[in-house]
Amino acid sequence: MFAHFDEMAFKPKFDRHSIRLTDYDYANPGGYFITICVQDRRCVLGDVNDSKAVPSPIGKIVEEAWQSIPSHFYGINLDLNVIMPNHFHGIIIIEDTRLDGRGEVPSPINTVIKGGVTPPLRKPTLGQIVGYFKYLSSKKINESMNLPPNRFWQRNYYEHIIRNEQDLHNARKYILENPLKWEEDEFYCNSR
């Protein structure tokens, strides 16, 4: 289920250059740990009280958008996530649902849309999944605040390919302990 790669540092690194592996297919089945920062690292997603992440109304919108991912993409499951005051961590699991080895996923048989049959959909890539999440959450946040469309999230995101069960354990531990270590975090901000 998990991809095998050389050892990578687990702590997120936020650089502007692409950190994607150039020859890796990000539609491959497996687990992916992601981190996304709010634009300008504004602390608007919530707070950390008594070492627990407490989402704001905006953070709750982000949580709803995150939970909607499996209903939008076939074969995608979500594991742990945490909404920190100015960033988000989550684990996405892309299941191996290929029917024929071409990476196509099931679509409704003979679904007719204006004169044609809906073609099978290609398995979504991690970038498409994260893009959808960022788009949907931004749209709903802007609507809730009666704002014109504007950028809510930073342009890029950090990802780590989860290679094995120990790596999955480490990612889950990182997510669970992130609120405990908030004041030591490089993105710490006092959101009170």
Protein backbone atom coordinates (compact mmCIF):
# COMPACT_ATOMS: atom_id res chain seq x y z
CA MET A 1 0.00 0.00 0.00
CA PHE A 2 2.82 2.43 0.72
CA ALA A 3 5.51 3.68 -1.66
CA HIS A 4 9.14 2.99 -0.76
CA PHE A 5 11.60 5.87 -1.07
CA ASP A 6 14.86 7.03 0.39
CA GLU A 7 14.77 8.53 3.86
CA MET A 8 13.26 12.01 3.93
CA ALA A 9 13.10 14.46 6.81
CA PHE A 10 9.63 14.23 8.30
CA LYS A 11 9.29 17.79 9.58
CA PRO A 12 7.63 19.97 6.92
CA LYS A 13 9.83 22.35 4.96
CA PHE A 14 8.10 25.32 3.39
CA ASP A 15 10.04 26.46 0.37
CA ARG A 16 8.80 28.20 -2.75
CA HIS A 17 10.46 25.79 -5.17
CA SER A 18 8.70 22.56 -6.04
CA ILE A 19 9.40 19.75 -3.64
CA ARG A 20 7.58 17.16 -5.74
CA LEU A 21 9.45 14.10 -6.98
CA THR A 22 9.78 14.61 -10.73
CA ASP A 23 9.36 10.98 -11.79
CA TYR A 24 6.74 9.97 -9.23
CA ASP A 25 3.07 9.44 -10.16
CA TYR A 26 1.11 11.19 -7.41
CA ALA A 27 -1.98 9.14 -8.33
CA ASN A 28 -0.20 6.03 -7.01
CA PRO A 29 -2.01 4.19 -4.24
CA GLY A 30 -0.64 4.94 -0.81
CA GLY A 31 -0.60 7.45 2.00
CA TYR A 32 0.35 11.11 1.78
CA PHE A 33 0.96 13.49 4.69
CA ILE A 34 0.16 17.07 3.68
CA THR A 35 0.60 20.48 5.28
CA ILE A 36 -1.03 23.63 3.93
CA CYS A 37 -0.42 27.14 5.32
CA VAL A 38 -2.83 30.05 5.39
CA GLN A 39 -1.77 32.97 3.16
CA ASP A 40 0.68 35.17 5.08
CA ARG A 41 0.41 32.62 7.93
CA ARG A 42 -2.49 34.52 9.45
CA CYS A 43 -3.86 32.83 12.58
CA VAL A 44 -7.50 32.57 11.54
CA LEU A 45 -8.22 28.83 11.67
CA GLY A 46 -8.56 28.64 15.43
CA ASP A 47 -6.50 28.52 18.58
CA VAL A 48 -4.67 26.07 20.80
CA ASN A 49 -6.13 25.94 24.31
CA ASP A 50 -4.78 23.57 26.96
CA SER A 51 -2.72 21.82 24.26
CA LYS A 52 -5.83 21.14 22.15
CA ALA A 53 -6.58 22.59 18.73
CA VAL A 54 -9.88 24.48 18.79
CA PRO A 55 -11.14 25.50 15.34
CA SER A 56 -12.68 28.90 14.72
CA PRO A 57 -15.76 29.22 12.47
CA ILE A 58 -13.31 29.44 9.55
CA GLY A 59 -11.52 26.33 10.83
CA LYS A 60 -14.85 24.51 10.93
CA ILE A 61 -15.41 25.39 7.26
CA VAL A 62 -11.96 23.95 6.50
CA GLU A 63 -12.89 20.75 8.39
CA GLU A 64 -16.13 20.41 6.39
CA ALA A 65 -14.27 20.86 3.11
CA TRP A 66 -11.70 18.25 4.19
CA GLN A 67 -14.41 15.75 5.12
CA SER A 68 -16.08 16.23 1.71
CA ILE A 69 -13.05 14.95 -0.22
CA PRO A 70 -14.08 11.25 -0.28
CA SER A 71 -17.52 12.12 -1.66
CA HIS A 72 -15.88 14.04 -4.51
CA PHE A 73 -13.13 11.55 -5.40
CA TYR A 74 -13.61 7.80 -5.75
CA GLY A 75 -11.14 5.63 -3.83
CA ILE A 76 -9.88 8.40 -1.55
CA ASN A 77 -9.91 7.98 2.22
CA LEU A 78 -8.89 10.39 4.94
CA ASP A 79 -6.92 9.55 8.05
CA LEU A 80 -6.05 11.94 10.89
CA ASN A 81 -5.95 15.70 10.49
CA VAL A 82 -5.48 18.73 12.69
CA ILE A 83 -6.41 22.36 12.16
CA MET A 84 -3.77 24.57 13.69
CA PRO A 85 -4.20 28.37 13.98
CA ASN A 86 -2.39 29.11 10.69
CA HIS A 87 -1.87 25.75 8.99
CA PHE A 88 -3.47 22.38 8.38
CA HIS A 89 -2.05 18.86 8.55
CA GLY A 90 -3.81 15.81 7.14
CA ILE A 91 -3.25 12.32 5.78
CA ILE A 92 -4.81 11.29 2.47
CA ILE A 93 -4.97 7.63 1.48
CA ILE A 94 -5.31 6.85 -2.23
CA GLU A 95 -6.70 3.33 -2.55
CA ASP A 96 -5.75 0.91 -5.34
CA THR A 97 -9.08 0.81 -7.20
CA ARG A 98 -7.88 0.29 -10.75
CA LEU A 99 -10.09 -1.93 -12.85
CA ASP A 100 -7.75 -2.60 -15.70
CA GLY A 101 -4.24 -1.38 -14.91
CA ARG A 102 -4.72 1.90 -16.80
CA GLY A 103 -5.50 3.87 -13.68
CA GLU A 104 -9.15 4.32 -14.61
CA VAL A 105 -11.75 4.33 -11.90
CA PRO A 106 -15.35 3.19 -12.13
CA SER A 107 -17.93 5.61 -13.44
CA PRO A 108 -21.66 5.08 -13.72
CA ILE A 109 -22.26 2.71 -16.63
CA ASN A 110 -23.90 4.31 -19.63
CA THR A 111 -24.39 7.67 -17.92
CA VAL A 112 -25.63 9.86 -20.74
CA ILE A 113 -24.74 13.53 -20.68
CA LYS A 114 -25.88 15.60 -23.68
CA GLY A 115 -25.39 13.00 -26.35
CA GLY A 116 -22.52 10.95 -25.01
CA VAL A 117 -21.38 8.40 -22.52
CA THR A 118 -19.33 9.70 -19.62
CA PRO A 119 -15.77 8.46 -20.14
CA PRO A 120 -14.01 6.70 -17.28
CA LEU A 121 -12.20 9.11 -15.01
CA ARG A 122 -8.46 8.91 -14.42
CA LYS A 123 -7.49 8.36 -10.82
CA PRO A 124 -7.01 11.80 -9.26
CA THR A 125 -3.52 12.94 -8.34
CA LEU A 126 -2.60 14.24 -4.92
CA GLY A 127 -2.31 17.72 -6.45
CA GLN A 128 -5.87 17.54 -7.80
CA ILE A 129 -7.19 16.43 -4.42
CA VAL A 130 -5.36 19.19 -2.56
CA GLY A 131 -6.38 21.71 -5.24
CA TYR A 132 -10.04 20.77 -4.80
CA PHE A 133 -9.75 21.06 -1.02
CA LYS A 134 -8.09 24.47 -1.22
CA TYR A 135 -10.61 25.71 -3.81
CA LEU A 136 -13.69 24.49 -1.94
CA SER A 137 -12.59 25.72 1.48
CA SER A 138 -11.53 29.13 0.08
CA LYS A 139 -14.83 29.53 -1.76
CA LYS A 140 -16.89 28.67 1.33
CA ILE A 141 -14.79 30.92 3.59
CA ASN A 142 -15.13 33.87 1.19
CA GLU A 143 -18.89 33.26 0.91
CA SER A 144 -19.32 33.06 4.69
CA MET A 145 -17.57 36.40 5.11
CA ASN A 146 -19.23 38.04 2.08
CA LEU A 147 -15.83 38.60 0.49
CA PRO A 148 -15.00 38.63 -3.19
CA PRO A 149 -12.91 35.64 -4.28
CA ASN A 150 -9.42 35.96 -2.85
CA ARG A 151 -6.55 33.68 -1.97
CA PHE A 152 -6.93 32.08 1.41
CA TRP A 153 -4.15 29.45 1.27
CA GLN A 154 -0.51 29.85 0.31
CA ARG A 155 0.32 28.86 -3.24
CA ASN A 156 2.02 25.55 -2.54
CA TYR A 157 1.76 22.78 0.02
CA TYR A 158 4.12 20.34 1.66
CA GLU A 159 3.69 16.63 1.07
CA HIS A 160 5.43 13.55 2.37
CA ILE A 161 4.90 10.15 0.75
CA ILE A 162 4.15 7.66 3.50
CA ARG A 163 6.38 4.68 2.74
CA ASN A 164 5.35 2.07 5.31
CA GLU A 165 3.38 1.44 8.50
CA GLN A 166 6.08 3.04 10.70
CA ASP A 167 5.97 6.17 8.56
CA LEU A 168 2.16 6.23 8.91
CA HIS A 169 2.57 5.89 12.67
CA ASN A 170 5.05 8.81 12.67
CA ALA A 171 2.70 11.00 10.62
CA ARG A 172 -0.20 10.26 12.94
CA LYS A 173 1.97 10.99 15.98
CA TYR A 174 3.10 14.30 14.44
CA ILE A 175 -0.53 15.32 13.84
CA LEU A 176 -1.66 14.32 17.33
CA GLU A 177 1.27 16.04 19.05
CA ASN A 178 1.28 19.22 16.98
CA PRO A 179 -1.06 21.10 19.36
CA LEU A 180 1.01 19.95 22.35
CA LYS A 181 4.08 21.61 20.84
CA TRP A 182 2.38 24.69 19.40
CA GLU A 183 4.48 27.25 21.28
CA GLU A 184 7.65 25.59 19.94
CA ASP A 185 6.34 25.48 16.34
CA GLU A 186 8.22 27.56 13.77
CA PHE A 187 4.81 28.99 12.68
CA TYR A 188 3.68 29.83 16.18
CA CYS A 189 1.59 32.92 16.53
CA ASN A 190 -0.37 34.09 19.50
CA SER A 191 -3.87 34.06 18.08
CA ARG A 192 -5.56 35.32 21.24
